Each structure stands twice: as C-alpha cells, then as structure tokens.
C-alpha cells in the first residue's frame, strides 16, 4: 500500500490530537487531585468508590447514633447517682428519727421537713429532661414520668383516715428504646421510672409521713422498704454502666472502621501528585515533539500542493 502525503499528514494530526487529549487528562488529574473525574474513565474504580462512600455514610450514621445513645446513658447515670445520694441522706435522717431521745416536735419540724424537700428533689430527678426529652418516660418523651397525687377514693389503697395520703404515679409507658450500633448489634438505651424509681419515691413518702406522725414503727418499716428500692436503683446503674461500656466498645470499632474505609477511598480516588506531575511534564515534552513533527509534515504537504 502506497503511503501518500495526505495519509502522513492525517496521521500526524491524529497523533497530535491524541497527545493533546492525554495531556489534558493529566492536567485535569493534577488540578482535581483525583485519579478519575468521570465514571467512564474508570468504571471499576468508580464502582468501588461508590461502595466505599456508601459504607462510610452508614458507619457515620452508626457513630452518630452511638454518640447520642452514650449521651442519653450519661444523663441516666447522673440521675440514678443523684437518687442514690438522696437515699443516703434520707437514711441518715431516718436513723436520726429512730433515736428515742428525739421528741415529736423535733421529728416533725426538722426531719420531716427535710425529707419532704428530698422527696421533691427526687421527683425532679425522676423527671430528668435531656435535650428536651424525658429520659425515664419510655416512648412518652414529652411527658414528665412522675407526678405526686393523692389517692382516689375508689383506689383500693385509699385510707379514709388519711385522705391526703400521697403516692407517686407513673405517667409514661413501658416503651423500650432500641438503638442500632451496627448491622447486627443493637442496644437498649433507656429505663422507665415505673419499676424501681416510683417505689423508691413511695418509700420516701412513707418515711416523711411516719416522721410527721411520730410513728417510729412505721418509720422503721419504711426504712426497710426504701433500702430495698434503692437496691433496685443500684441495679439500674450497674446495667446502665454495662451498656455504656458496650457503646464505647462499638464506637471504638466504628472509628477504626471509618479510618480504614477512608484510607481505602483515598487510595482509590486520590492521585499520586508527584507521579502525576512527572507524567504531565513527560507528556508535555511528548506533545511538543509530536507537534513539531506534525507541523513539518503539514508544511511539507502544503508545499507539495503548491508545487503541484
């Protein structure tokens, strides 16, 4: 096959275009810092990046959930610790009230008043609100879980001789809040005030009333009940602490996973700038050489056409 001047020129133009296109790609790569800017340039790499970004997004969502869960549990821990501290103060006052050297006036004017203040403080703690949500109300996060009420006459525990008798009423529900910390890992975030906290408050009411009535027998009984209910509160703290450790462990794992995924994504997406700059300089030299050769070929064709 005879190679004509026109064919040589066409080849020269094609080589110049290809060389320029390659140079432009390297320049884009250098400017963006990415191995590829369009999925069509590297379908396999683009697919891997898409999967890595999706997994990273999911991991971050789990991390956000873990952080919110841990904060909620920290608020629960603080509240439960406060209740235990109030129980210790109440026990000391109760033991003082059982001292036979105290008279009725001392029990009523000093001890009963102080226990009543502790009771009100304990109700406030039971109604702890964390970021606008009541933590011990189950799913009823917009409702304070505890309210002190007098017994309704229709209630079996209503005492006609003591119509003003109070008791703690739970206004929440039994909702259990589950939070996902991973594809196959979930944890219960909350406790309700119904099973352990409410009975503790009722025991405080009984202690206050026994002091007001100067009834040491009832006071001794109420103290025993309170100690039992405090054991229940302590079990909540122990369980909450175990859950916090589980969340911390999950968070540590998720953080490590996030770092590894980010590293893989960077390896897949980010260009080696030193290598890219070197290739770009080499391509510039190549393009200049192709341009020079092509220019001579085109000039020769123009001369040939003129002479013809």
Protein backbone atom coordinates (compact mmCIF):
# COMPACT_ATOMS: atom_id res chain seq x y z
CA UNK A 1 0.00 0.00 0.00
CA UNK A 2 1.41 3.39 -1.01
CA UNK A 3 1.56 5.93 1.78
CA UNK A 4 0.54 9.28 0.40
CA UNK A 5 1.46 12.68 1.79
CA UNK A 6 -2.18 13.15 2.77
CA UNK A 7 -2.13 9.95 4.86
CA UNK A 8 1.06 11.03 6.58
CA UNK A 9 -0.49 14.37 7.42
CA UNK A 10 -3.67 12.76 8.71
CA UNK A 11 -1.60 10.50 10.94
CA UNK A 12 0.35 13.49 12.21
CA UNK A 13 -2.86 15.35 13.06
CA UNK A 14 -4.29 12.27 14.79
CA UNK A 15 -1.13 11.82 16.89
CA UNK A 16 -1.20 15.48 17.86
CA UNK A 17 -4.87 15.20 18.93
CA UNK A 18 -4.25 12.03 20.93
CA UNK A 19 -1.19 13.52 22.59
CA UNK A 20 -3.07 16.72 23.44
CA UNK A 21 -6.02 14.73 24.83
CA UNK A 22 -3.69 12.72 27.06
CA UNK A 23 -2.05 15.93 28.25
CA UNK A 24 -5.46 17.44 29.07
CA UNK A 25 -6.40 14.33 31.09
CA UNK A 26 -3.20 14.58 33.11
CA UNK A 27 -3.78 18.30 33.64
CA UNK A 28 -7.32 17.60 34.89
CA UNK A 29 -5.97 14.89 37.16
CA UNK A 30 -3.38 17.29 38.55
CA UNK A 31 -5.92 20.07 39.05
CA UNK A 32 -8.53 17.87 40.78
CA UNK A 33 -6.13 15.62 42.65
CA UNK A 34 -8.30 12.64 41.66
CA UNK A 35 -7.40 9.51 39.73
CA UNK A 36 -10.54 9.94 37.65
CA UNK A 37 -13.12 12.68 37.31
CA UNK A 38 -15.74 10.71 35.39
CA UNK A 39 -17.02 7.18 35.96
CA UNK A 40 -16.43 6.41 32.28
CA UNK A 41 -12.70 6.91 32.79
CA UNK A 42 -12.52 4.05 35.31
CA UNK A 43 -15.81 2.14 35.76
CA UNK A 44 -14.28 -0.35 38.21
CA UNK A 45 -12.69 2.36 40.33
CA UNK A 46 -15.86 4.46 40.25
CA UNK A 47 -17.93 1.48 41.42
CA UNK A 48 -15.51 0.82 44.27
CA UNK A 49 -15.63 4.49 45.31
CA UNK A 50 -19.42 4.42 45.32
CA UNK A 51 -19.46 1.35 47.56
CA UNK A 52 -16.84 2.78 49.92
CA UNK A 53 -18.69 6.09 50.24
CA UNK A 54 -21.95 4.27 50.94
CA UNK A 55 -20.29 2.16 53.64
CA UNK A 56 -18.65 5.26 55.13
CA UNK A 57 -22.00 7.03 55.26
CA UNK A 58 -23.56 4.05 57.04
CA UNK A 59 -20.67 3.87 59.52
CA UNK A 60 -21.01 7.57 60.27
CA UNK A 61 -24.74 7.10 60.91
CA UNK A 62 -23.93 4.34 63.42
CA UNK A 63 -21.33 6.62 65.04
CA UNK A 64 -23.87 9.42 65.36
CA UNK A 65 -26.34 7.01 66.94
CA UNK A 66 -23.68 5.72 69.34
CA UNK A 67 -22.82 9.27 70.41
CA UNK A 68 -26.45 10.20 71.07
CA UNK A 69 -27.01 6.91 72.91
CA UNK A 70 -23.97 7.42 75.13
CA UNK A 71 -25.08 10.96 75.99
CA UNK A 72 -28.53 9.66 76.96
CA UNK A 73 -26.97 6.97 79.14
CA UNK A 74 -24.69 9.53 80.77
CA UNK A 75 -27.74 11.60 81.70
CA UNK A 76 -29.34 8.43 83.12
CA UNK A 77 -26.20 7.64 85.12
CA UNK A 78 -26.12 11.11 86.63
CA UNK A 79 -29.80 10.95 87.58
CA UNK A 80 -29.53 7.48 89.15
CA UNK A 81 -26.47 8.54 91.13
CA UNK A 82 -28.39 11.55 92.43
CA UNK A 83 -31.21 9.27 93.59
CA UNK A 84 -28.73 7.09 95.46
CA UNK A 85 -27.21 10.17 97.10
CA UNK A 86 -30.68 11.30 98.16
CA UNK A 87 -31.32 7.83 99.57
CA UNK A 88 -28.19 8.08 101.74
CA UNK A 89 -29.32 11.46 103.09
CA UNK A 90 -32.78 10.07 103.78
CA UNK A 91 -31.39 7.02 105.56
CA UNK A 92 -29.30 9.21 107.86
CA UNK A 93 -32.34 11.34 108.66
CA UNK A 94 -34.45 8.24 109.24
CA UNK A 95 -31.91 6.74 111.63
CA UNK A 96 -31.88 10.05 113.46
CA UNK A 97 -35.67 9.89 113.62
CA UNK A 98 -35.48 6.43 115.20
CA UNK A 99 -33.41 7.85 118.04
CA UNK A 100 -35.57 7.61 121.14
CA UNK A 101 -34.16 10.86 122.50
CA UNK A 102 -35.97 12.85 119.81
CA UNK A 103 -39.39 14.23 120.57
CA UNK A 104 -42.33 14.54 118.23
CA UNK A 105 -41.69 18.22 117.57
CA UNK A 106 -38.11 17.53 116.52
CA UNK A 107 -39.17 14.76 114.16
CA UNK A 108 -41.84 16.90 112.56
CA UNK A 109 -40.20 20.32 112.48
CA UNK A 110 -36.74 19.23 111.40
CA UNK A 111 -36.58 15.73 109.96
CA UNK A 112 -39.94 15.52 108.21
CA UNK A 113 -39.46 18.89 106.55
CA UNK A 114 -36.03 17.88 105.27
CA UNK A 115 -37.27 14.53 103.96
CA UNK A 116 -40.11 16.34 102.20
CA UNK A 117 -37.52 18.54 100.47
CA UNK A 118 -35.56 15.43 99.50
CA UNK A 119 -38.75 13.88 98.11
CA UNK A 120 -39.40 16.90 95.90
CA UNK A 121 -35.80 16.84 94.72
CA UNK A 122 -36.08 13.13 93.94
CA UNK A 123 -39.22 13.77 91.87
CA UNK A 124 -37.31 16.40 89.90
CA UNK A 125 -34.51 13.89 89.29
CA UNK A 126 -37.01 11.24 88.18
CA UNK A 127 -38.33 13.82 85.72
CA UNK A 128 -34.87 14.49 84.27
CA UNK A 129 -35.10 16.09 80.85
CA UNK A 130 -32.24 15.53 78.41
CA UNK A 131 -32.18 17.78 75.35
CA UNK A 132 -35.92 18.31 75.55
CA UNK A 133 -36.81 14.67 76.22
CA UNK A 134 -37.76 12.96 79.49
CA UNK A 135 -35.40 10.03 79.86
CA UNK A 136 -37.48 7.82 82.18
CA UNK A 137 -40.86 8.02 80.38
CA UNK A 138 -40.45 5.22 77.86
CA UNK A 139 -41.72 6.39 74.48
CA UNK A 140 -43.62 9.29 76.11
CA UNK A 141 -40.58 11.54 75.90
CA UNK A 142 -42.68 14.73 76.03
CA UNK A 143 -44.40 13.74 79.28
CA UNK A 144 -42.85 14.02 82.73
CA UNK A 145 -42.93 10.44 84.04
CA UNK A 146 -43.67 11.07 87.72
CA UNK A 147 -46.34 13.06 89.49
CA UNK A 148 -47.28 13.02 93.17
CA UNK A 149 -51.02 12.57 93.64
CA UNK A 150 -53.40 11.82 96.48
CA UNK A 151 -55.23 8.52 96.38
CA UNK A 152 -58.57 8.48 94.64
CA UNK A 153 -61.38 7.31 96.98
CA UNK A 154 -62.06 4.50 94.52
CA UNK A 155 -58.50 3.23 94.84
CA UNK A 156 -58.18 0.07 96.99
CA UNK A 157 -55.27 1.70 98.84
CA UNK A 158 -57.31 4.78 99.77
CA UNK A 159 -57.34 5.35 103.53
CA UNK A 160 -60.36 7.35 104.74
CA UNK A 161 -58.47 8.23 107.91
CA UNK A 162 -55.70 9.79 105.81
CA UNK A 163 -57.38 11.27 102.71
CA UNK A 164 -54.36 13.43 101.90
CA UNK A 165 -52.03 10.45 101.55
CA UNK A 166 -49.77 10.87 98.51
CA UNK A 167 -48.25 8.35 96.17
CA UNK A 168 -46.05 8.53 93.08
CA UNK A 169 -47.89 7.99 89.81
CA UNK A 170 -46.09 6.91 86.64
CA UNK A 171 -47.37 8.76 83.56
CA UNK A 172 -45.08 7.25 80.94
CA UNK A 173 -45.33 3.90 79.18
CA UNK A 174 -43.31 0.69 79.01
CA UNK A 175 -41.55 1.70 75.78
CA UNK A 176 -38.11 0.17 75.29
CA UNK A 177 -35.81 2.26 73.10
CA UNK A 178 -33.56 0.12 70.92
CA UNK A 179 -30.66 1.71 69.05
CA UNK A 180 -28.56 0.09 66.30
CA UNK A 181 -24.79 0.30 66.69
CA UNK A 182 -24.05 -1.91 63.69
CA UNK A 183 -25.67 -4.23 61.15
CA UNK A 184 -26.17 -6.94 63.77
CA UNK A 185 -25.74 -5.04 67.03
CA UNK A 186 -28.44 -3.18 68.93
CA UNK A 187 -28.75 -1.98 72.50
CA UNK A 188 -31.50 -0.84 74.86
CA UNK A 189 -30.95 2.82 75.64
CA UNK A 190 -33.48 3.65 78.34
CA UNK A 191 -35.06 2.70 81.64
CA UNK A 192 -38.53 3.67 82.81
CA UNK A 193 -39.31 5.17 86.19
CA UNK A 194 -42.13 2.72 86.85
CA UNK A 195 -40.43 -0.35 88.30
CA UNK A 196 -37.62 0.92 90.57
CA UNK A 197 -37.79 4.71 90.80
CA UNK A 198 -41.51 5.03 91.55
CA UNK A 199 -41.37 2.58 94.51
CA UNK A 200 -38.36 4.49 95.86
CA UNK A 201 -40.39 7.71 95.82
CA UNK A 202 -43.28 5.96 97.58
CA UNK A 203 -40.83 4.86 100.28
CA UNK A 204 -39.71 8.47 100.74
CA UNK A 205 -43.36 9.50 101.13
CA UNK A 206 -43.86 6.83 103.80
CA UNK A 207 -40.75 7.98 105.68
CA UNK A 208 -41.89 11.60 105.60
CA UNK A 209 -45.39 10.67 106.76
CA UNK A 210 -44.05 8.43 109.55
CA UNK A 211 -41.91 11.30 110.81
CA UNK A 212 -44.87 13.66 110.64
CA UNK A 213 -46.98 11.16 112.60
CA UNK A 214 -44.19 10.48 115.10
CA UNK A 215 -44.64 6.78 114.29
CA UNK A 216 -41.29 5.04 114.81
CA UNK A 217 -42.72 1.60 113.94
CA UNK A 218 -43.91 2.81 110.55
CA UNK A 219 -40.64 4.69 110.17
CA UNK A 220 -38.59 1.54 110.69
CA UNK A 221 -40.75 -0.36 108.17
CA UNK A 222 -40.47 2.43 105.60
CA UNK A 223 -36.69 2.49 106.01
CA UNK A 224 -36.51 -1.22 105.16
CA UNK A 225 -38.69 -0.69 102.10
CA UNK A 226 -36.55 2.23 100.96
CA UNK A 227 -33.34 0.21 101.25
CA UNK A 228 -34.91 -2.49 99.08
CA UNK A 229 -35.97 0.02 96.44
CA UNK A 230 -32.51 1.62 96.47
CA UNK A 231 -31.07 -1.80 95.63
CA UNK A 232 -33.28 -1.70 92.53
CA UNK A 233 -31.96 1.75 91.60
CA UNK A 234 -28.40 0.49 92.07
CA UNK A 235 -29.10 -2.42 89.71
CA UNK A 236 -30.26 0.10 87.12
CA UNK A 237 -26.95 1.95 87.49
CA UNK A 238 -24.99 -1.28 87.11
CA UNK A 239 -26.93 -2.22 83.99
CA UNK A 240 -26.56 1.28 82.58
CA UNK A 241 -22.80 1.18 83.16
CA UNK A 242 -22.52 -2.13 81.30
CA UNK A 243 -24.46 -0.66 78.39
CA UNK A 244 -22.21 2.39 78.32
CA UNK A 245 -19.16 0.16 78.05
CA UNK A 246 -20.80 -1.69 75.17
CA UNK A 247 -21.46 1.60 73.38
CA UNK A 248 -17.86 2.72 73.97
CA UNK A 249 -16.56 -0.54 72.53
CA UNK A 250 -18.82 -0.22 69.48
CA UNK A 251 -17.74 3.39 69.00
CA UNK A 252 -14.07 2.42 69.08
CA UNK A 253 -14.67 -0.28 66.45
CA UNK A 254 -16.66 2.11 64.24
CA UNK A 255 -13.94 4.77 64.47
CA UNK A 256 -11.30 2.26 63.36
CA UNK A 257 -13.53 1.07 60.53
CA UNK A 258 -14.07 4.66 59.42
CA UNK A 259 -10.31 5.29 59.30
CA UNK A 260 -9.72 2.12 57.26
CA UNK A 261 -12.52 2.91 54.81
CA UNK A 262 -11.30 6.49 54.40
CA UNK A 263 -7.81 5.19 53.67
CA UNK A 264 -9.11 2.76 51.04
CA UNK A 265 -11.19 5.52 49.45
CA UNK A 266 -8.18 7.82 49.34
CA UNK A 267 -6.03 5.12 47.74
CA UNK A 268 -8.70 4.52 45.11
CA UNK A 269 -9.65 8.15 44.43
CA UNK A 270 -6.69 10.38 45.16
CA UNK A 271 -3.97 10.86 42.59
CA UNK A 272 -0.28 10.44 43.37
CA UNK A 273 0.60 14.06 42.75
CA UNK A 274 4.35 13.53 42.39
CA UNK A 275 3.74 10.83 39.80
CA UNK A 276 1.05 12.86 38.05
CA UNK A 277 3.28 15.94 37.75
CA UNK A 278 6.11 13.81 36.39
CA UNK A 279 3.81 12.19 33.81
CA UNK A 280 2.39 15.57 32.89
CA UNK A 281 5.85 17.02 32.23
CA UNK A 282 6.80 13.99 30.13
CA UNK A 283 3.56 14.28 28.20
CA UNK A 284 4.21 17.98 27.57
CA UNK A 285 7.60 17.05 26.08
CA UNK A 286 5.98 14.30 24.01
CA UNK A 287 3.28 16.65 22.80
CA UNK A 288 5.83 19.29 21.80
CA UNK A 289 7.76 16.64 19.86
CA UNK A 290 4.60 15.36 18.13
CA UNK A 291 3.57 18.93 17.42
CA UNK A 292 6.94 19.70 15.85
CA UNK A 293 6.91 16.58 13.68
CA UNK A 294 3.30 17.13 12.71
CA UNK A 295 3.95 20.74 11.81
CA UNK A 296 6.75 19.71 9.46
CA UNK A 297 4.51 17.10 7.85
CA UNK A 298 1.72 19.60 7.31
CA UNK A 299 4.17 22.18 5.95
CA UNK A 300 5.54 19.58 3.53
CA UNK A 301 2.00 18.80 2.34
CA UNK A 302 1.25 22.47 1.77
CA UNK A 303 4.49 22.82 -0.24
CA UNK A 304 3.66 19.72 -2.28
CA UNK A 305 0.19 21.04 -3.04
CA UNK A 306 1.70 24.36 -4.11
CA UNK A 307 4.31 22.80 -6.39
CA UNK A 308 1.72 20.54 -7.94
